[in-house]
Amino acid sequence: MAIILFDGNAHQTLLPLTYTRPVADLRLGILTIAQKWAKYLKQGYSFHTRAYLSVKFPVKIKAENIFINGAVCPDELLLEAIYKLSIGEALKYNGELIAVKLSEADAKVFDSETQFDRSIDYTGTPVVIKCPENIFQNNDTELKKDFQLLTKGRNSAAISATNTIIGNDFFAEEGAVAECSSFNTTNGPIYLANTTEVWEGTHIRGSFALCNNSQVKMGAKIYGGTTVGPYCRVGGEINNSVIWGYSSKGHEGYLGNSVMGEWCNIGADSNNSNLKNNYADVKLWDYASQRFRDTGLQFCGLIMADHSKCAINTMFNTGTVVGVSANIFGAGFPRNFIPDFSWGGAQGYETYSLKKAFETMEKVFARRDHRKFDEVEQDILKTVFELTNEYRHIGL
């Protein structure tokens, strides 16, 4: 039976983070949503996503198929409800499609807006990711769930006696290295994946996950609800933030209540505000409505999509949204919506041409031998460039 993770409306409400990936490829906790489903269901998966993403993320249909909403995180109760579905039967939560089991013929014409004749209302309370801020809001919960999922029945590898570990929820994979650092698991678990390094003088409070081939630099201060994805390097001060992978925040500066995509870089001594001076609720730019949306949150920092970068000493206002492949530099506070493929800062922006952007991306990918900036990647970004043209001409 095929497991197919579909985008649904969340693909639009999660922009700009989902311009370059299906919804289920979002990382929160330790794993991506797709990886969570693979662990729970003990099998592979594919994606039902936008046409321009489907070359990189193709759908794989079989005789029997379960389509699962990619914005929904799994748990045991939800898993049980999905297993009970029969062919043609749908599972809904608050009127929204969560899962449906389909034959091969029906799977080939699947549409998440279809009204299925037979449906069951799910009575549980799943974690559903609808907006970018939901990622850091739910990261602590999902990190704790993933920690239990990944460590059940296993023993942590030993790490150096130069470290101080407080509490019992510490787990290191074989190949994880740490020296002269403190790990406090009183408020949440700490997970160090294989081939990770925590350099001297670092202080980490759980919940925290450091994914494979990533490093925490000397003297870093990291607070709970934080995930550093694979192939990252981080330093400075980080609080309740999710960095997906292949990105760097390698120097002093604060990142809080934030989400960073892949292939991003934060310049030295850059900071984001996560609380307004008047303590008012934070508003974020919303691509769907083309206006700022009230998040209802007092604490909300930076949302940065894939391939974006900022120069040293960049100052991000509370609730700043940075689109795909923006390059930010210069004195002063940039505005709190920086459109995709923008080049500039507080003094104004011009379009970051695809030619220049691709030249940089080729160099960045070349630093990772196992990743290639191929035609598939380029075609996705060409489409994103076209889709986002209107935002580069909005006067805000």
Protein backbone atom coordinates (compact mmCIF):
# COMPACT_ATOMS: atom_id res chain seq x y z
CA MET A 1 0.00 0.00 0.00
CA ALA A 2 1.29 3.46 -0.91
CA ILE A 3 1.51 6.32 1.59
CA ILE A 4 1.05 9.64 -0.22
CA LEU A 5 1.40 12.94 1.64
CA PHE A 6 -0.68 15.69 0.04
CA ASP A 7 -0.32 19.45 0.38
CA GLY A 8 -3.88 20.74 0.73
CA ASN A 9 -4.49 24.44 1.43
CA ALA A 10 -1.53 24.62 3.82
CA HIS A 11 0.82 24.92 0.85
CA GLN A 12 -0.54 28.42 0.31
CA THR A 13 -0.78 29.51 3.95
CA LEU A 14 2.79 28.35 4.69
CA LEU A 15 4.43 30.43 1.97
CA PRO A 16 7.23 31.38 1.44
CA LEU A 17 8.52 28.24 3.19
CA THR A 18 6.60 25.93 0.84
CA TYR A 19 7.62 27.55 -2.45
CA THR A 20 10.52 25.09 -2.61
CA ARG A 21 9.06 21.95 -0.97
CA PRO A 22 5.88 20.00 -0.24
CA VAL A 23 4.20 20.71 3.08
CA ALA A 24 5.23 17.35 4.55
CA ASP A 25 8.90 18.17 3.89
CA LEU A 26 8.78 20.79 6.66
CA ARG A 27 11.01 19.99 9.64
CA LEU A 28 9.78 20.43 13.19
CA GLY A 29 10.92 18.48 16.18
CA ILE A 30 13.81 16.29 15.04
CA LEU A 31 12.29 14.93 11.84
CA THR A 32 10.41 16.30 8.86
CA ILE A 33 6.67 15.58 8.89
CA ALA A 34 7.22 13.00 6.12
CA GLN A 35 9.97 11.27 8.11
CA LYS A 36 7.66 11.12 11.13
CA TRP A 37 5.00 9.29 9.10
CA ALA A 38 7.64 6.89 7.75
CA LYS A 39 8.71 6.04 11.31
CA TYR A 40 5.16 5.55 12.56
CA LEU A 41 3.98 3.57 9.53
CA LYS A 42 7.32 1.73 9.07
CA GLN A 43 7.32 2.25 5.30
CA GLY A 44 8.22 4.73 2.58
CA TYR A 45 6.17 7.59 1.22
CA SER A 46 5.77 9.95 -1.71
CA PHE A 47 4.26 13.39 -2.23
CA HIS A 48 1.20 14.80 -3.98
CA THR A 49 2.31 18.37 -4.50
CA ARG A 50 2.39 21.28 -6.95
CA ALA A 51 3.24 20.38 -10.54
CA TYR A 52 6.53 22.33 -10.60
CA LEU A 53 7.73 20.48 -7.47
CA SER A 54 6.68 17.01 -8.62
CA VAL A 55 9.85 16.30 -10.64
CA LYS A 56 11.90 16.47 -7.43
CA PHE A 57 9.08 15.08 -5.27
CA PRO A 58 7.19 12.57 -7.47
CA VAL A 59 4.01 10.74 -6.47
CA LYS A 60 4.05 6.92 -6.42
CA ILE A 61 0.65 5.24 -6.76
CA LYS A 62 -0.15 1.57 -6.09
CA ALA A 63 -3.26 -0.61 -6.11
CA GLU A 64 -4.22 0.71 -2.66
CA ASN A 65 -3.24 4.17 -1.44
CA ILE A 66 -3.62 6.21 1.71
CA PHE A 67 -3.46 9.95 1.15
CA ILE A 68 -2.47 11.82 4.33
CA ASN A 69 -2.58 15.58 4.87
CA GLY A 70 1.06 16.72 4.92
CA ALA A 71 0.32 19.48 7.44
CA VAL A 72 -0.69 16.95 10.12
CA CYS A 73 1.85 15.38 12.48
CA PRO A 74 1.29 11.72 13.40
CA ASP A 75 0.53 10.21 16.78
CA GLU A 76 -0.64 6.76 17.89
CA LEU A 77 -4.34 7.70 18.10
CA LEU A 78 -4.35 9.19 14.60
CA LEU A 79 -2.46 6.18 13.27
CA GLU A 80 -5.13 3.86 14.65
CA ALA A 81 -7.91 5.88 13.00
CA ILE A 82 -6.15 5.84 9.62
CA TYR A 83 -5.56 2.08 9.74
CA LYS A 84 -9.32 1.54 10.17
CA LEU A 85 -10.20 3.31 6.92
CA SER A 86 -11.69 1.25 4.11
CA ILE A 87 -11.41 2.01 0.38
CA GLY A 88 -13.23 5.26 -0.42
CA GLU A 89 -13.50 6.32 3.22
CA ALA A 90 -12.15 9.67 4.44
CA LEU A 91 -11.05 10.92 7.86
CA LYS A 92 -11.76 14.58 8.68
CA TYR A 93 -10.88 16.94 11.51
CA ASN A 94 -12.90 20.15 11.93
CA GLY A 95 -14.22 19.63 8.41
CA GLU A 96 -10.75 19.33 6.85
CA LEU A 97 -9.51 16.21 5.09
CA ILE A 98 -6.90 14.38 7.17
CA ALA A 99 -6.67 11.09 5.30
CA VAL A 100 -8.48 9.02 2.67
CA LYS A 101 -7.94 5.49 1.36
CA LEU A 102 -8.27 5.17 -2.42
CA SER A 103 -8.00 2.62 -5.21
CA GLU A 104 -5.43 3.10 -7.96
CA ALA A 105 -7.97 4.63 -10.36
CA ASP A 106 -9.26 7.16 -7.81
CA ALA A 107 -5.73 7.93 -6.61
CA LYS A 108 -4.73 9.05 -10.10
CA VAL A 109 -7.38 11.80 -10.04
CA PHE A 110 -7.09 12.69 -6.35
CA ASP A 111 -8.01 16.24 -5.36
CA SER A 112 -7.92 17.35 -1.73
CA GLU A 113 -11.06 19.46 -2.35
CA THR A 114 -13.15 16.41 -3.31
CA GLN A 115 -16.18 15.77 -1.10
CA PHE A 116 -16.05 12.07 -0.33
CA ASP A 117 -19.35 10.29 0.22
CA ARG A 118 -18.16 8.39 3.27
CA SER A 119 -16.29 10.27 5.97
CA ILE A 120 -15.48 9.88 9.65
CA ASP A 121 -14.89 12.75 12.08
CA TYR A 122 -11.62 12.41 13.97
CA THR A 123 -12.12 13.06 17.70
CA GLY A 124 -8.48 13.50 18.68
CA THR A 125 -6.44 16.71 18.67
CA PRO A 126 -3.59 16.41 16.18
CA VAL A 127 -0.76 18.89 15.73
CA VAL A 128 -1.57 20.71 12.47
CA ILE A 129 0.83 23.18 10.83
CA LYS A 130 -1.08 25.93 9.05
CA CYS A 131 1.11 29.04 9.27
CA PRO A 132 4.89 29.59 9.48
CA GLU A 133 4.76 30.53 13.17
CA ASN A 134 3.11 27.17 13.96
CA ILE A 135 6.51 25.57 13.34
CA PHE A 136 8.34 27.15 16.27
CA GLN A 137 5.13 27.14 18.35
CA ASN A 138 4.89 23.34 18.13
CA ASN A 139 8.58 22.52 17.99
CA ASP A 140 8.93 21.70 21.69
CA THR A 141 5.95 19.29 21.56
CA GLU A 142 7.12 17.56 18.41
CA LEU A 143 10.74 17.40 19.56
CA LYS A 144 9.68 15.54 22.69
CA LYS A 145 7.56 13.12 20.63
CA ASP A 146 10.38 12.52 18.13
CA PHE A 147 12.86 11.97 20.94
CA GLN A 148 10.73 9.16 22.35
CA LEU A 149 10.18 7.72 18.87
CA LEU A 150 13.88 7.67 17.97
CA THR A 151 15.35 6.55 21.30
CA LYS A 152 12.84 3.89 22.41
CA GLY A 153 14.69 0.71 23.34
CA ARG A 154 18.10 2.25 22.63
CA ASN A 155 20.99 3.43 24.80
CA SER A 156 22.85 6.68 24.32
CA ALA A 157 26.45 6.56 23.18
CA ALA A 158 28.99 7.78 25.72
CA ILE A 159 30.32 11.32 25.46
CA SER A 160 33.30 12.96 27.09
CA ALA A 161 33.38 13.25 30.89
CA THR A 162 34.35 16.91 30.46
CA ASN A 163 30.65 17.67 29.89
CA THR A 164 27.96 18.27 32.52
CA ILE A 165 24.60 16.56 31.91
CA ILE A 166 21.64 17.55 34.09
CA GLY A 167 18.65 15.21 34.04
CA ASN A 168 18.10 11.91 32.26
CA ASP A 169 16.71 12.78 28.81
CA PHE A 170 20.02 13.07 27.00
CA PHE A 171 20.78 10.94 23.94
CA ALA A 172 23.84 10.93 21.68
CA GLU A 173 24.19 8.85 18.54
CA GLU A 174 27.46 7.10 17.81
CA GLY A 175 29.86 9.65 16.37
CA ALA A 176 28.48 12.63 18.29
CA VAL A 177 31.23 14.65 19.99
CA ALA A 178 30.98 17.22 22.77
CA GLU A 179 33.56 18.75 25.09
CA CYS A 180 33.39 21.02 28.16
CA SER A 181 29.73 21.89 27.66
CA SER A 182 26.57 21.72 29.76
CA PHE A 183 23.33 19.99 28.79
CA ASN A 184 20.24 20.65 30.94
CA THR A 185 17.36 18.27 30.19
CA THR A 186 15.18 19.36 33.12
CA ASN A 187 12.60 20.99 30.83
CA GLY A 188 13.04 18.82 27.75
CA PRO A 189 15.24 16.23 26.06
CA ILE A 190 18.49 16.84 24.19
CA TYR A 191 19.34 14.79 21.10
CA LEU A 192 22.71 14.79 19.32
CA ALA A 193 22.63 12.90 16.01
CA ASN A 194 25.58 11.12 14.40
CA THR A 195 28.61 13.10 13.22
CA THR A 196 27.66 16.17 15.26
CA GLU A 197 29.95 18.37 17.34
CA VAL A 198 29.29 20.63 20.31
CA TRP A 199 32.36 22.76 20.87
CA GLU A 200 33.76 23.89 24.21
CA GLY A 201 31.92 26.27 26.49
CA THR A 202 28.46 25.73 25.03
CA HIS A 203 25.36 25.78 27.25
CA ILE A 204 22.23 24.03 26.00
CA ARG A 205 18.82 23.72 27.65
CA GLY A 206 16.30 21.22 26.33
CA SER A 207 14.33 20.60 24.39
CA PHE A 208 17.00 20.62 21.70
CA ALA A 209 18.00 18.57 18.67
CA LEU A 210 21.22 18.74 16.67
CA CYS A 211 20.81 16.79 13.44
CA ASN A 212 23.51 14.89 11.56
CA ASN A 213 26.72 16.57 10.39
CA SER A 214 26.04 19.82 12.25
CA GLN A 215 28.14 21.79 14.72
CA VAL A 216 27.53 24.17 17.61
CA LYS A 217 30.42 26.62 17.95
CA MET A 218 32.25 27.63 21.13
CA GLY A 219 30.37 29.54 23.78
CA ALA A 220 26.93 29.22 22.20
CA LYS A 221 23.82 29.65 24.36
CA ILE A 222 20.83 27.63 23.18
CA TYR A 223 17.42 27.57 24.82
CA GLY A 224 14.50 25.15 24.61
CA GLY A 225 12.27 24.37 21.66
CA THR A 226 15.22 24.60 19.25
CA THR A 227 16.17 22.36 16.34
CA VAL A 228 19.31 22.63 14.23
CA GLY A 229 18.87 20.55 11.09
CA PRO A 230 21.51 18.57 9.19
CA TYR A 231 24.71 20.13 7.81
CA CYS A 232 24.38 23.37 9.79
CA ARG A 233 26.77 25.41 11.89
CA VAL A 234 25.44 27.67 14.64
CA GLY A 235 26.73 29.98 17.34
CA GLY A 236 25.65 32.93 19.46
CA GLU A 237 22.25 32.86 21.16
CA ILE A 238 19.29 30.84 19.85
CA ASN A 239 15.87 30.41 21.44
CA ASN A 240 12.83 28.40 20.27
CA SER A 241 13.93 28.38 16.64
CA VAL A 242 14.02 25.82 13.84
CA ILE A 243 16.86 25.80 11.31
CA TRP A 244 16.07 23.24 8.63
CA GLY A 245 19.41 22.27 7.15
CA TYR A 246 22.49 23.32 5.13
CA SER A 247 22.30 26.75 6.80
CA SER A 248 24.61 28.77 9.00
CA LYS A 249 24.21 31.15 11.90
CA GLY A 250 27.81 30.78 12.88
CA HIS A 251 28.49 33.93 14.91
CA GLU A 252 27.32 36.05 17.81
CA GLY A 253 23.84 37.51 17.57
CA TYR A 254 20.31 36.52 18.61
CA LEU A 255 17.81 34.31 16.79
CA GLY A 256 14.54 33.75 18.61
CA ASN A 257 11.04 32.39 17.86
CA SER A 258 12.12 31.95 14.27
CA VAL A 259 12.28 29.59 11.29
CA MET A 260 15.20 29.41 8.85
CA GLY A 261 15.01 27.40 5.65
CA GLU A 262 17.80 25.55 3.84
CA TRP A 263 20.91 27.14 2.31
CA CYS A 264 20.55 30.32 4.39
CA ASN A 265 23.32 32.34 6.03
CA ILE A 266 23.10 34.86 8.87
CA GLY A 267 25.98 37.35 9.00
CA ALA A 268 28.00 38.00 12.15
CA ASP A 269 26.35 40.04 14.92
CA SER A 270 22.97 39.96 13.21
CA ASN A 271 19.90 39.96 15.46
CA ASN A 272 16.16 39.60 15.23
CA SER A 273 13.58 41.14 17.52
CA ASN A 274 10.92 38.72 18.76
CA LEU A 275 8.96 41.14 20.99
CA LYS A 276 7.56 44.56 20.10
CA ASN A 277 8.39 47.51 22.37
CA ASN A 278 4.67 48.01 23.11
CA TYR A 279 4.13 44.27 23.73
CA ALA A 280 1.42 44.20 21.05
CA ASP A 281 0.62 41.09 19.03
CA VAL A 282 2.95 40.52 16.09
CA LYS A 283 1.75 40.67 12.48
CA LEU A 284 3.33 38.64 9.66
CA TRP A 285 3.11 39.17 5.92
CA ASP A 286 0.59 36.71 4.45
CA TYR A 287 1.11 35.71 0.83
CA ALA A 288 -2.45 34.44 0.39
CA SER A 289 -4.16 37.71 1.39
CA GLN A 290 -1.28 40.00 0.35
CA ARG A 291 -1.45 41.86 3.63
CA PHE A 292 -0.16 41.55 7.19
CA ARG A 293 -1.93 38.97 9.34
CA ASP A 294 -2.28 39.19 13.13
CA THR A 295 -0.61 36.10 14.59
CA GLY A 296 -2.06 36.61 18.07
CA LEU A 297 1.47 36.09 19.40
CA GLN A 298 3.55 38.41 21.56
CA PHE A 299 6.73 36.54 20.62
CA CYS A 300 7.41 36.05 16.93
CA GLY A 301 10.73 36.65 15.22
CA LEU A 302 12.13 35.90 11.75
CA ILE A 303 10.69 33.68 9.00
CA MET A 304 13.38 33.14 6.34
CA ALA A 305 12.82 30.96 3.26
CA ASP A 306 15.43 28.90 1.40
CA HIS A 307 18.59 30.42 -0.13
CA SER A 308 18.28 33.79 1.66
CA LYS A 309 21.22 35.54 3.29
CA CYS A 310 21.98 38.65 5.29
CA ALA A 311 25.20 40.61 5.82
CA ILE A 312 26.91 41.36 9.13
CA ASN A 313 25.06 43.48 11.69
CA THR A 314 21.66 43.04 10.03
CA MET A 315 18.78 44.04 12.32
CA PHE A 316 15.45 42.31 11.71
CA ASN A 317 12.28 43.83 13.12
CA THR A 318 9.78 41.76 15.05
CA GLY A 319 7.83 39.50 12.69
CA THR A 320 9.96 39.83 9.57
CA VAL A 321 9.23 37.54 6.61
CA VAL A 322 12.05 36.99 4.11
CA GLY A 323 11.18 35.25 0.85
CA VAL A 324 13.20 32.77 -1.20
CA SER A 325 16.69 33.84 -2.32
CA ALA A 326 16.79 37.35 -0.86
CA ASN A 327 20.12 39.05 -0.21
CA ILE A 328 19.91 41.63 2.60
CA PHE A 329 22.57 44.17 3.57
CA GLY A 330 23.16 47.77 4.66
CA ALA A 331 22.50 49.92 7.73
CA GLY A 332 19.14 50.29 9.43
CA PHE A 333 16.14 48.00 9.83
CA PRO A 334 14.97 46.37 6.59
CA ARG A 335 11.19 46.37 6.16
CA ASN A 336 9.34 43.45 7.69
CA PHE A 337 8.42 41.85 4.38
CA ILE A 338 11.37 41.24 2.05
CA PRO A 339 10.07 39.74 -1.20
CA ASP A 340 11.59 36.70 -2.87
CA PHE A 341 14.67 37.42 -5.04
CA SER A 342 15.23 40.87 -3.52
CA TRP A 343 18.66 42.52 -3.33
CA GLY A 344 19.18 45.38 -0.86
CA GLY A 345 18.05 46.59 2.54
CA ALA A 346 16.59 49.52 4.42
CA GLN A 347 17.57 51.92 1.63
CA GLY A 348 15.55 50.00 -0.96
CA TYR A 349 15.58 46.86 -3.10
CA GLU A 350 16.19 45.77 -6.65
CA THR A 351 15.57 42.39 -8.21
CA TYR A 352 18.18 39.73 -7.48
CA SER A 353 18.56 38.30 -10.98
CA LEU A 354 18.38 34.57 -11.53
CA LYS A 355 21.81 34.63 -13.15
CA LYS A 356 23.46 36.15 -10.08
CA ALA A 357 21.43 34.02 -7.68
CA PHE A 358 22.35 30.82 -9.52
CA GLU A 359 26.05 31.71 -9.53
CA THR A 360 25.95 31.91 -5.72
CA MET A 361 23.86 28.76 -5.35
CA GLU A 362 26.28 26.73 -7.48
CA LYS A 363 29.14 27.75 -5.17
CA VAL A 364 27.12 26.96 -2.05
CA PHE A 365 26.06 23.52 -3.30
CA ALA A 366 29.65 22.75 -4.31
CA ARG A 367 30.55 22.81 -0.60
CA ARG A 368 28.36 19.71 -0.12
CA ASP A 369 29.63 16.87 -2.27
CA HIS A 370 26.39 14.89 -1.97
CA ARG A 371 24.13 17.72 -3.20
CA LYS A 372 24.04 19.03 -6.76
CA PHE A 373 22.59 22.29 -8.01
CA ASP A 374 21.13 20.55 -11.02
CA GLU A 375 18.49 21.40 -13.61
CA VAL A 376 15.71 20.16 -11.33
CA GLU A 377 16.69 22.63 -8.60
CA GLN A 378 17.10 25.41 -11.13
CA ASP A 379 13.68 24.80 -12.71
CA ILE A 380 11.98 24.98 -9.31
CA LEU A 381 13.63 28.31 -8.57
CA LYS A 382 12.83 29.68 -12.03
CA THR A 383 9.17 28.94 -11.33
CA VAL A 384 9.35 30.54 -7.87
CA PHE A 385 10.92 33.63 -9.47
CA GLU A 386 7.95 33.91 -11.84
CA LEU A 387 5.35 33.18 -9.15
CA THR A 388 6.71 35.89 -6.87
CA ASN A 389 7.17 38.66 -9.42
CA GLU A 390 4.09 40.55 -8.21
CA TYR A 391 5.43 40.83 -4.64
CA ARG A 392 8.60 42.60 -5.79
CA HIS A 393 6.40 45.41 -7.11
CA ILE A 394 4.10 45.88 -4.13
CA GLY A 395 4.49 49.23 -2.37
CA LEU A 396 4.36 48.51 1.37
